[in-house]
Amino acid sequence: MTITQEELARRLKEAREKARFTQEQVASALGLVRPVIAQIEAGKRKVSSLELAALARLYGRPIHSFFEEAFEAEG
């Protein structure tokens, strides 16, 4: 199953919330500003592979989990 940018955005937001991070905390950890995280989570900005790797590491989950058909926020 191929997921859309919007679905990946939804999954990233869900994972962030499950990990109990604010957008500000995530932005700070990645060296970005909060609006960038908001744009990624809204599906208005593509996430680079390096950013995705950093997000997965921060959320404590493997990158491939964001692309699995049966995505679970608990990972």
C-alpha atoms as a PDB file:
ATOM      1  CA  MET A   1       0.000   0.000   0.000  1.00  0.00           C
ATOM      2  CA  THR A   2       1.328   3.427  -0.933  1.00  0.00           C
ATOM      3  CA  ILE A   3       0.442   6.176   1.493  1.00  0.00           C
ATOM      4  CA  THR A   4      -0.169   9.791   0.579  1.00  0.00           C
ATOM      5  CA  GLN A   5       1.685  12.795   1.906  1.00  0.00           C
ATOM      6  CA  GLU A   6      -1.444  13.646   3.895  1.00  0.00           C
ATOM      7  CA  GLU A   7      -1.539  10.178   5.460  1.00  0.00           C
ATOM      8  CA  LEU A   8       2.141  10.343   6.388  1.00  0.00           C
ATOM      9  CA  ALA A   9       1.484  13.765   7.919  1.00  0.00           C
ATOM     10  CA  ARG A  10      -1.375  12.336   9.977  1.00  0.00           C
ATOM     11  CA  ARG A  11       0.793   9.445  11.150  1.00  0.00           C
ATOM     12  CA  LEU A  12       3.634  11.760  12.142  1.00  0.00           C
ATOM     13  CA  LYS A  13       1.280  13.935  14.160  1.00  0.00           C
ATOM     14  CA  GLU A  14      -0.259  10.900  15.826  1.00  0.00           C
ATOM     15  CA  ALA A  15       3.182   9.531  16.719  1.00  0.00           C
ATOM     16  CA  ARG A  16       4.256  12.908  18.138  1.00  0.00           C
ATOM     17  CA  GLU A  17       1.169  13.150  20.280  1.00  0.00           C
ATOM     18  CA  LYS A  18       1.561   9.567  21.495  1.00  0.00           C
ATOM     19  CA  ALA A  19       5.189  10.336  22.416  1.00  0.00           C
ATOM     20  CA  ARG A  20       3.875  13.395  24.297  1.00  0.00           C
ATOM     21  CA  PHE A  21       5.969  15.961  22.486  1.00  0.00           C
ATOM     22  CA  THR A  22       4.788  19.426  21.566  1.00  0.00           C
ATOM     23  CA  GLN A  23       5.503  20.795  18.109  1.00  0.00           C
ATOM     24  CA  GLU A  24       7.876  23.264  19.762  1.00  0.00           C
ATOM     25  CA  GLN A  25       9.845  20.459  21.439  1.00  0.00           C
ATOM     26  CA  VAL A  26      10.121  18.532  18.173  1.00  0.00           C
ATOM     27  CA  ALA A  27      11.193  21.623  16.265  1.00  0.00           C
ATOM     28  CA  SER A  28      13.866  22.378  18.842  1.00  0.00           C
ATOM     29  CA  ALA A  29      15.180  18.789  18.778  1.00  0.00           C
ATOM     30  CA  LEU A  30      15.445  18.892  14.973  1.00  0.00           C
ATOM     31  CA  GLY A  31      16.856  22.422  14.757  1.00  0.00           C
ATOM     32  CA  LEU A  32      13.736  23.742  13.028  1.00  0.00           C
ATOM     33  CA  VAL A  33      11.045  26.262  13.897  1.00  0.00           C
ATOM     34  CA  ARG A  34       7.589  25.200  15.078  1.00  0.00           C
ATOM     35  CA  PRO A  35       5.731  26.345  11.925  1.00  0.00           C
ATOM     36  CA  VAL A  36       7.774  23.843   9.888  1.00  0.00           C
ATOM     37  CA  ILE A  37       6.526  20.975  12.078  1.00  0.00           C
ATOM     38  CA  ALA A  38       2.970  22.323  11.780  1.00  0.00           C
ATOM     39  CA  GLN A  39       3.293  22.422   7.979  1.00  0.00           C
ATOM     40  CA  ILE A  40       4.659  18.859   7.866  1.00  0.00           C
ATOM     41  CA  GLU A  41       1.829  17.593  10.079  1.00  0.00           C
ATOM     42  CA  ALA A  42      -0.743  19.412   7.958  1.00  0.00           C
ATOM     43  CA  GLY A  43       0.604  17.801   4.795  1.00  0.00           C
ATOM     44  CA  LYS A  44       1.568  21.203   3.379  1.00  0.00           C
ATOM     45  CA  ARG A  45       5.307  20.511   3.409  1.00  0.00           C
ATOM     46  CA  LYS A  46       7.102  17.334   2.440  1.00  0.00           C
ATOM     47  CA  VAL A  47       9.317  15.757   5.049  1.00  0.00           C
ATOM     48  CA  SER A  48      12.838  14.934   3.884  1.00  0.00           C
ATOM     49  CA  SER A  49      14.329  11.506   4.469  1.00  0.00           C
ATOM     50  CA  LEU A  50      16.764  13.000   6.978  1.00  0.00           C
ATOM     51  CA  GLU A  51      13.931  14.717   8.849  1.00  0.00           C
ATOM     52  CA  LEU A  52      11.901  11.511   8.826  1.00  0.00           C
ATOM     53  CA  ALA A  53      14.857   9.588  10.253  1.00  0.00           C
ATOM     54  CA  ALA A  54      15.260  12.192  13.000  1.00  0.00           C
ATOM     55  CA  LEU A  55      11.538  12.121  13.788  1.00  0.00           C
ATOM     56  CA  ALA A  56      11.507   8.322  13.959  1.00  0.00           C
ATOM     57  CA  ARG A  57      14.506   8.365  16.304  1.00  0.00           C
ATOM     58  CA  LEU A  58      12.916  11.047  18.479  1.00  0.00           C
ATOM     59  CA  TYR A  59       9.619   9.131  18.660  1.00  0.00           C
ATOM     60  CA  GLY A  60      11.437   5.862  19.364  1.00  0.00           C
ATOM     61  CA  ARG A  61      10.147   3.947  16.363  1.00  0.00           C
ATOM     62  CA  PRO A  62      11.575   2.546  13.117  1.00  0.00           C
ATOM     63  CA  ILE A  63      11.085   4.592   9.953  1.00  0.00           C
ATOM     64  CA  HIS A  64       9.282   1.755   8.200  1.00  0.00           C
ATOM     65  CA  SER A  65       6.534   1.836  10.836  1.00  0.00           C
ATOM     66  CA  PHE A  66       5.216   5.046   9.271  1.00  0.00           C
ATOM     67  CA  PHE A  67       4.669   3.231   5.996  1.00  0.00           C
ATOM     68  CA  GLU A  68       3.115  -0.001   7.233  1.00  0.00           C
ATOM     69  CA  GLU A  69      -0.461  -0.721   6.292  1.00  0.00           C
ATOM     70  CA  ALA A  70      -1.492  -1.346   9.892  1.00  0.00           C
ATOM     71  CA  PHE A  71      -0.015   1.804  11.444  1.00  0.00           C
ATOM     72  CA  GLU A  72      -0.413   2.063  15.196  1.00  0.00           C
ATOM     73  CA  ALA A  73       0.595   5.144  17.090  1.00  0.00           C
ATOM     74  CA  GLU A  74       1.808   3.015  19.982  1.00  0.00           C
ATOM     75  CA  GLY A  75       4.493   1.532  17.726  1.00  0.00           C
END
